[in-house]
Amino acid sequence: MKPVAVSHRTRASDTTRSLEKYYALHAHIYDATRWAFLFGRSAILEVARSAAPAPLRILEVGCGTGRNLIQLARLFPHAQLTGVDLSAAMLNVARRKTACYGPRISLKAQSYHAPLGRTGGYDLVLCSYALSMFNPGFEAAIASARADLKYNGHFALVDFHASRWPWFTRWMQINHVRMDGQLLPLLRENFTPVIDHIRPAYGGVWDYGLFVGRKKD
């Protein structure tokens, strides 16, 4: 019997369902537990502010519980913010946390496999520990971000990069995280780097990347 070919779309759908289940379990403990792993989340916001000091429209892809959206609203008091996430459970937490900002922050429950297509585009697109979990799919998300950014807009990312320890890479795969070192090279192909750093975590158990790039012509 010939093996049945599995399409890219089928694998992406399976990944989406798996992530929805994963975050349904983790949504209410996410903020309390991830501080020990998700390094650089505050740093990327400051780095993005230095590169794009006055964005008026900001999109966060994989906004989760809304932590970054609240900080972005404080850093950029004149900006309109949009958060996209496929997890309804995570967005329920985000809605409660961002309600005080009213219409300044809007939330969309969907995957990011195609551009949102907002008229005029976004000045800043942020991905914080999201793209490494788009597996498969971060290529489509990067292409979508390019399309959603206005001319000279900026793309900012902090995310897992790679580990020299195969056991850690396998463990992260179980938790839906891709750590094969392919994300940053793809970003360099699609954006002109402004900030491009790889930093070690826990003495080099893994590396994470900080990247800000300007949309190429």
C-alpha atoms as a PDB file:
ATOM      1  CA  MET A   1       0.000   0.000   0.000  1.00  0.00           C
ATOM      2  CA  LYS A   2       1.342   3.421  -0.956  1.00  0.00           C
ATOM      3  CA  PRO A   3       1.705   5.979   1.839  1.00  0.00           C
ATOM      4  CA  VAL A   4      -0.930   8.702   1.779  1.00  0.00           C
ATOM      5  CA  ALA A   5       0.531  12.115   1.010  1.00  0.00           C
ATOM      6  CA  VAL A   6      -0.286  14.749   3.602  1.00  0.00           C
ATOM      7  CA  SER A   7      -0.790  18.214   2.167  1.00  0.00           C
ATOM      8  CA  HIS A   8       0.711  21.373   3.641  1.00  0.00           C
ATOM      9  CA  ARG A   9      -2.822  22.663   4.272  1.00  0.00           C
ATOM     10  CA  THR A  10      -3.774  19.506   6.184  1.00  0.00           C
ATOM     11  CA  ARG A  11      -0.664  19.744   8.373  1.00  0.00           C
ATOM     12  CA  ALA A  12      -1.364  23.422   9.031  1.00  0.00           C
ATOM     13  CA  SER A  13      -4.947  22.627  10.042  1.00  0.00           C
ATOM     14  CA  ASP A  14      -3.763  19.874  12.366  1.00  0.00           C
ATOM     15  CA  THR A  15      -1.248  22.270  13.918  1.00  0.00           C
ATOM     16  CA  THR A  16      -3.948  24.904  14.432  1.00  0.00           C
ATOM     17  CA  ARG A  17      -6.242  22.464  16.216  1.00  0.00           C
ATOM     18  CA  SER A  18      -3.387  21.200  18.359  1.00  0.00           C
ATOM     19  CA  LEU A  19      -2.373  24.727  19.359  1.00  0.00           C
ATOM     20  CA  GLU A  20      -5.955  25.654  20.205  1.00  0.00           C
ATOM     21  CA  LYS A  21      -6.135  22.698  22.601  1.00  0.00           C
ATOM     22  CA  TYR A  22      -2.717  23.518  24.044  1.00  0.00           C
ATOM     23  CA  TYR A  23      -3.583  27.128  24.811  1.00  0.00           C
ATOM     24  CA  ALA A  24      -7.033  26.283  26.109  1.00  0.00           C
ATOM     25  CA  LEU A  25      -5.176  24.453  28.889  1.00  0.00           C
ATOM     26  CA  HIS A  26      -2.496  27.099  29.397  1.00  0.00           C
ATOM     27  CA  ALA A  27      -4.352  30.413  28.977  1.00  0.00           C
ATOM     28  CA  HIS A  28      -5.046  31.028  32.665  1.00  0.00           C
ATOM     29  CA  ILE A  29      -1.508  30.182  33.816  1.00  0.00           C
ATOM     30  CA  TYR A  30       0.398  31.565  30.837  1.00  0.00           C
ATOM     31  CA  ASP A  31       1.479  34.904  32.309  1.00  0.00           C
ATOM     32  CA  ALA A  32       2.489  33.317  35.605  1.00  0.00           C
ATOM     33  CA  THR A  33       4.637  30.583  34.051  1.00  0.00           C
ATOM     34  CA  ARG A  34       6.308  31.934  30.898  1.00  0.00           C
ATOM     35  CA  TRP A  35       8.542  34.587  32.470  1.00  0.00           C
ATOM     36  CA  ALA A  36      11.290  31.993  32.958  1.00  0.00           C
ATOM     37  CA  PHE A  37      11.450  31.144  29.234  1.00  0.00           C
ATOM     38  CA  LEU A  38      10.349  34.118  27.171  1.00  0.00           C
ATOM     39  CA  PHE A  39      13.379  36.362  27.402  1.00  0.00           C
ATOM     40  CA  GLY A  40      13.561  39.715  25.652  1.00  0.00           C
ATOM     41  CA  ARG A  41       9.845  40.509  25.501  1.00  0.00           C
ATOM     42  CA  SER A  42      10.261  43.935  27.106  1.00  0.00           C
ATOM     43  CA  ALA A  43      13.551  44.559  25.286  1.00  0.00           C
ATOM     44  CA  ILE A  44      11.981  44.112  21.851  1.00  0.00           C
ATOM     45  CA  LEU A  45       9.377  46.763  22.644  1.00  0.00           C
ATOM     46  CA  GLU A  46      12.071  49.286  23.540  1.00  0.00           C
ATOM     47  CA  VAL A  47      14.103  48.330  20.482  1.00  0.00           C
ATOM     48  CA  ALA A  48      11.027  48.722  18.291  1.00  0.00           C
ATOM     49  CA  ARG A  49      10.373  52.163  19.793  1.00  0.00           C
ATOM     50  CA  SER A  50      13.896  53.268  18.900  1.00  0.00           C
ATOM     51  CA  ALA A  51      13.400  52.123  15.299  1.00  0.00           C
ATOM     52  CA  ALA A  52       9.804  53.295  14.903  1.00  0.00           C
ATOM     53  CA  PRO A  53       9.309  56.096  17.462  1.00  0.00           C
ATOM     54  CA  ALA A  54       5.761  57.155  16.540  1.00  0.00           C
ATOM     55  CA  PRO A  55       3.725  54.396  14.859  1.00  0.00           C
ATOM     56  CA  LEU A  56       0.033  55.160  14.495  1.00  0.00           C
ATOM     57  CA  ARG A  57      -1.113  51.654  13.576  1.00  0.00           C
ATOM     58  CA  ILE A  58       0.360  48.586  15.274  1.00  0.00           C
ATOM     59  CA  LEU A  59      -0.402  44.913  14.704  1.00  0.00           C
ATOM     60  CA  GLU A  60       0.681  42.154  17.068  1.00  0.00           C
ATOM     61  CA  VAL A  61       0.564  38.667  15.594  1.00  0.00           C
ATOM     62  CA  GLY A  62       0.041  36.016  18.261  1.00  0.00           C
ATOM     63  CA  CYS A  63      -0.978  38.570  20.887  1.00  0.00           C
ATOM     64  CA  GLY A  64      -1.947  35.895  23.421  1.00  0.00           C
ATOM     65  CA  THR A  65      -3.100  37.301  26.767  1.00  0.00           C
ATOM     66  CA  GLY A  66      -2.530  40.921  25.753  1.00  0.00           C
ATOM     67  CA  ARG A  67       0.634  41.557  27.771  1.00  0.00           C
ATOM     68  CA  ASN A  68       2.459  43.271  24.928  1.00  0.00           C
ATOM     69  CA  LEU A  69      -0.602  45.167  23.728  1.00  0.00           C
ATOM     70  CA  ILE A  70      -0.899  46.882  27.100  1.00  0.00           C
ATOM     71  CA  GLN A  71       2.771  47.856  27.082  1.00  0.00           C
ATOM     72  CA  LEU A  72       2.516  49.050  23.476  1.00  0.00           C
ATOM     73  CA  ALA A  73      -0.521  51.170  24.358  1.00  0.00           C
ATOM     74  CA  ARG A  74       1.533  52.845  27.090  1.00  0.00           C
ATOM     75  CA  LEU A  75       4.629  53.318  24.937  1.00  0.00           C
ATOM     76  CA  PHE A  76       2.647  54.679  21.987  1.00  0.00           C
ATOM     77  CA  PRO A  77      -0.302  56.637  23.422  1.00  0.00           C
ATOM     78  CA  HIS A  78      -1.516  57.830  20.021  1.00  0.00           C
ATOM     79  CA  ALA A  79      -1.468  54.427  18.298  1.00  0.00           C
ATOM     80  CA  GLN A  80      -4.357  52.188  17.354  1.00  0.00           C
ATOM     81  CA  LEU A  81      -3.516  48.557  18.134  1.00  0.00           C
ATOM     82  CA  THR A  82      -4.763  45.291  16.689  1.00  0.00           C
ATOM     83  CA  GLY A  83      -4.045  41.883  18.190  1.00  0.00           C
ATOM     84  CA  VAL A  84      -4.490  38.628  16.289  1.00  0.00           C
ATOM     85  CA  ASP A  85      -4.478  35.186  17.873  1.00  0.00           C
ATOM     86  CA  LEU A  86      -6.019  31.835  16.977  1.00  0.00           C
ATOM     87  CA  SER A  87      -6.699  30.872  20.611  1.00  0.00           C
ATOM     88  CA  ALA A  88     -10.104  31.929  21.873  1.00  0.00           C
ATOM     89  CA  ALA A  89      -9.037  31.104  25.429  1.00  0.00           C
ATOM     90  CA  MET A  90      -6.012  33.408  25.255  1.00  0.00           C
ATOM     91  CA  LEU A  91      -8.086  36.196  23.716  1.00  0.00           C
ATOM     92  CA  ASN A  92     -10.661  35.921  26.492  1.00  0.00           C
ATOM     93  CA  VAL A  93      -7.884  36.770  28.934  1.00  0.00           C
ATOM     94  CA  ALA A  94      -6.667  39.567  26.655  1.00  0.00           C
ATOM     95  CA  ARG A  95     -10.147  41.120  26.420  1.00  0.00           C
ATOM     96  CA  ARG A  96     -10.415  41.389  30.178  1.00  0.00           C
ATOM     97  CA  LYS A  97      -6.937  42.905  30.482  1.00  0.00           C
ATOM     98  CA  THR A  98      -7.309  45.433  27.651  1.00  0.00           C
ATOM     99  CA  ALA A  99     -10.940  46.468  28.227  1.00  0.00           C
ATOM    100  CA  CYS A 100      -9.870  49.727  29.876  1.00  0.00           C
ATOM    101  CA  TYR A 101      -8.353  50.879  26.562  1.00  0.00           C
ATOM    102  CA  GLY A 102     -11.686  50.693  24.764  1.00  0.00           C
ATOM    103  CA  PRO A 103     -11.590  50.943  20.969  1.00  0.00           C
ATOM    104  CA  ARG A 104      -7.845  51.724  20.914  1.00  0.00           C
ATOM    105  CA  ILE A 105      -7.190  47.968  21.104  1.00  0.00           C
ATOM    106  CA  SER A 106      -9.086  45.561  18.864  1.00  0.00           C
ATOM    107  CA  LEU A 107      -8.737  41.784  18.961  1.00  0.00           C
ATOM    108  CA  LYS A 108      -9.243  39.287  16.155  1.00  0.00           C
ATOM    109  CA  ALA A 109      -9.654  35.529  16.656  1.00  0.00           C
ATOM    110  CA  GLN A 110      -7.999  34.005  13.595  1.00  0.00           C
ATOM    111  CA  SER A 111      -4.811  32.516  12.267  1.00  0.00           C
ATOM    112  CA  TYR A 112      -2.404  34.753  10.380  1.00  0.00           C
ATOM    113  CA  HIS A 113      -1.912  32.907   7.116  1.00  0.00           C
ATOM    114  CA  ALA A 114      -3.068  35.820   4.940  1.00  0.00           C
ATOM    115  CA  PRO A 115      -2.792  39.623   5.209  1.00  0.00           C
ATOM    116  CA  LEU A 116      -5.465  41.479   7.156  1.00  0.00           C
ATOM    117  CA  GLY A 117      -5.461  44.012   4.336  1.00  0.00           C
ATOM    118  CA  ARG A 118      -6.081  47.135   6.397  1.00  0.00           C
ATOM    119  CA  THR A 119      -6.286  50.241   4.232  1.00  0.00           C
ATOM    120  CA  GLY A 120      -3.089  52.248   4.578  1.00  0.00           C
ATOM    121  CA  GLY A 121      -1.193  49.419   6.211  1.00  0.00           C
ATOM    122  CA  TYR A 122       0.492  49.134   9.600  1.00  0.00           C
ATOM    123  CA  ASP A 123       3.500  51.106  10.760  1.00  0.00           C
ATOM    124  CA  LEU A 124       4.703  48.294  13.033  1.00  0.00           C
ATOM    125  CA  VAL A 125       4.058  44.549  13.099  1.00  0.00           C
ATOM    126  CA  LEU A 126       5.228  42.712  16.219  1.00  0.00           C
ATOM    127  CA  CYS A 127       5.685  38.976  16.746  1.00  0.00           C
ATOM    128  CA  SER A 128       6.718  37.938  20.252  1.00  0.00           C
ATOM    129  CA  TYR A 129       7.347  34.208  20.649  1.00  0.00           C
ATOM    130  CA  ALA A 130       4.708  33.414  18.056  1.00  0.00           C
ATOM    131  CA  LEU A 131       6.320  32.580  14.706  1.00  0.00           C
ATOM    132  CA  SER A 132       8.338  29.650  16.063  1.00  0.00           C
ATOM    133  CA  MET A 133       4.992  27.991  16.806  1.00  0.00           C
ATOM    134  CA  PHE A 134       3.698  28.525  13.257  1.00  0.00           C
ATOM    135  CA  ASN A 135       4.987  25.152  12.116  1.00  0.00           C
ATOM    136  CA  PRO A 136       4.229  24.867   9.283  1.00  0.00           C
ATOM    137  CA  GLY A 137       3.244  28.414   8.506  1.00  0.00           C
ATOM    138  CA  PHE A 138       5.810  31.025   9.500  1.00  0.00           C
ATOM    139  CA  GLU A 139       6.712  31.606   5.851  1.00  0.00           C
ATOM    140  CA  ALA A 140       3.088  32.580   5.131  1.00  0.00           C
ATOM    141  CA  ALA A 141       2.962  34.766   8.249  1.00  0.00           C
ATOM    142  CA  ILE A 142       6.108  36.650   7.216  1.00  0.00           C
ATOM    143  CA  ALA A 143       4.700  37.202   3.720  1.00  0.00           C
ATOM    144  CA  SER A 144       1.458  38.442   5.297  1.00  0.00           C
ATOM    145  CA  ALA A 145       3.347  40.868   7.516  1.00  0.00           C
ATOM    146  CA  ARG A 146       5.199  42.267   4.502  1.00  0.00           C
ATOM    147  CA  ALA A 147       1.884  42.822   2.741  1.00  0.00           C
ATOM    148  CA  ASP A 148       0.280  44.430   5.796  1.00  0.00           C
ATOM    149  CA  LEU A 149       3.153  46.836   6.458  1.00  0.00           C
ATOM    150  CA  LYS A 150       3.093  50.280   4.905  1.00  0.00           C
ATOM    151  CA  TYR A 151       6.092  51.600   2.973  1.00  0.00           C
ATOM    152  CA  ASN A 152       9.047  51.905   5.371  1.00  0.00           C
ATOM    153  CA  GLY A 153       7.074  50.121   8.084  1.00  0.00           C
ATOM    154  CA  HIS A 154       8.925  47.970  10.603  1.00  0.00           C
ATOM    155  CA  PHE A 155       8.684  44.328  11.582  1.00  0.00           C
ATOM    156  CA  ALA A 156       9.833  43.429  15.114  1.00  0.00           C
ATOM    157  CA  LEU A 157      10.414  39.954  16.505  1.00  0.00           C
ATOM    158  CA  VAL A 158      11.671  38.226  19.605  1.00  0.00           C
ATOM    159  CA  ASP A 159      11.599  34.442  19.448  1.00  0.00           C
ATOM    160  CA  PHE A 160      13.408  31.179  19.979  1.00  0.00           C
ATOM    161  CA  HIS A 161      16.234  30.650  17.512  1.00  0.00           C
ATOM    162  CA  ALA A 162      18.113  27.379  18.018  1.00  0.00           C
ATOM    163  CA  SER A 163      19.756  25.047  20.521  1.00  0.00           C
ATOM    164  CA  ARG A 164      22.916  22.992  20.243  1.00  0.00           C
ATOM    165  CA  TRP A 165      21.298  20.338  22.445  1.00  0.00           C
ATOM    166  CA  PRO A 166      19.169  17.857  20.434  1.00  0.00           C
ATOM    167  CA  TRP A 167      17.242  16.775  23.537  1.00  0.00           C
ATOM    168  CA  PHE A 168      16.115  20.347  24.164  1.00  0.00           C
ATOM    169  CA  THR A 169      15.106  20.839  20.535  1.00  0.00           C
ATOM    170  CA  ARG A 170      13.010  17.646  20.697  1.00  0.00           C
ATOM    171  CA  TRP A 171      11.395  18.735  23.965  1.00  0.00           C
ATOM    172  CA  MET A 172      10.471  22.087  22.448  1.00  0.00           C
ATOM    173  CA  GLN A 173       8.972  20.324  19.438  1.00  0.00           C
ATOM    174  CA  ILE A 174       6.664  18.486  21.817  1.00  0.00           C
ATOM    175  CA  ASN A 175       5.562  21.945  22.986  1.00  0.00           C
ATOM    176  CA  HIS A 176       4.944  23.032  19.366  1.00  0.00           C
ATOM    177  CA  VAL A 177       8.087  25.184  19.097  1.00  0.00           C
ATOM    178  CA  ARG A 178      10.323  25.058  16.016  1.00  0.00           C
ATOM    179  CA  MET A 179      13.994  25.722  16.839  1.00  0.00           C
ATOM    180  CA  ASP A 180      15.930  24.963  13.672  1.00  0.00           C
ATOM    181  CA  GLY A 181      17.585  28.359  13.149  1.00  0.00           C
ATOM    182  CA  GLN A 182      15.628  29.062   9.952  1.00  0.00           C
ATOM    183  CA  LEU A 183      13.471  31.938  11.145  1.00  0.00           C
ATOM    184  CA  LEU A 184      16.027  34.738  11.329  1.00  0.00           C
ATOM    185  CA  PRO A 185      17.596  34.030   7.909  1.00  0.00           C
ATOM    186  CA  LEU A 186      14.122  34.221   6.364  1.00  0.00           C
ATOM    187  CA  LEU A 187      13.474  37.550   8.067  1.00  0.00           C
ATOM    188  CA  ARG A 188      16.758  38.916   6.688  1.00  0.00           C
ATOM    189  CA  GLU A 189      15.611  37.994   3.205  1.00  0.00           C
ATOM    190  CA  ASN A 190      12.312  39.843   3.601  1.00  0.00           C
ATOM    191  CA  PHE A 191      13.286  42.915   5.647  1.00  0.00           C
ATOM    192  CA  THR A 192      16.270  45.239   5.824  1.00  0.00           C
ATOM    193  CA  PRO A 193      17.744  44.554   9.288  1.00  0.00           C
ATOM    194  CA  VAL A 194      17.911  47.464  11.720  1.00  0.00           C
ATOM    195  CA  ILE A 195      18.513  45.347  14.828  1.00  0.00           C
ATOM    196  CA  ASP A 196      19.666  41.748  14.440  1.00  0.00           C
ATOM    197  CA  HIS A 197      20.896  40.004  17.590  1.00  0.00           C
ATOM    198  CA  ILE A 198      21.150  36.402  18.764  1.00  0.00           C
ATOM    199  CA  ARG A 199      21.446  36.038  22.536  1.00  0.00           C
ATOM    200  CA  PRO A 200      22.002  33.003  24.776  1.00  0.00           C
ATOM    201  CA  ALA A 201      19.571  31.815  27.437  1.00  0.00           C
ATOM    202  CA  TYR A 202      20.607  29.846  30.518  1.00  0.00           C
ATOM    203  CA  GLY A 203      24.257  29.800  29.538  1.00  0.00           C
ATOM    204  CA  GLY A 204      23.560  28.662  25.993  1.00  0.00           C
ATOM    205  CA  VAL A 205      20.959  25.932  26.476  1.00  0.00           C
ATOM    206  CA  TRP A 206      19.184  27.780  23.699  1.00  0.00           C
ATOM    207  CA  ASP A 207      19.500  31.040  21.779  1.00  0.00           C
ATOM    208  CA  TYR A 208      16.799  33.577  21.087  1.00  0.00           C
ATOM    209  CA  GLY A 209      16.686  36.302  18.489  1.00  0.00           C
ATOM    210  CA  LEU A 210      15.892  40.011  18.638  1.00  0.00           C
ATOM    211  CA  PHE A 211      15.144  41.420  15.200  1.00  0.00           C
ATOM    212  CA  VAL A 212      13.772  44.672  13.826  1.00  0.00           C
ATOM    213  CA  GLY A 213      13.666  45.133  10.090  1.00  0.00           C
ATOM    214  CA  ARG A 214      12.327  47.728   7.690  1.00  0.00           C
ATOM    215  CA  LYS A 215      10.101  46.663   4.839  1.00  0.00           C
ATOM    216  CA  LYS A 216      12.093  46.306   1.638  1.00  0.00           C
ATOM    217  CA  ASP A 217      10.903  48.018  -1.546  1.00  0.00           C
END
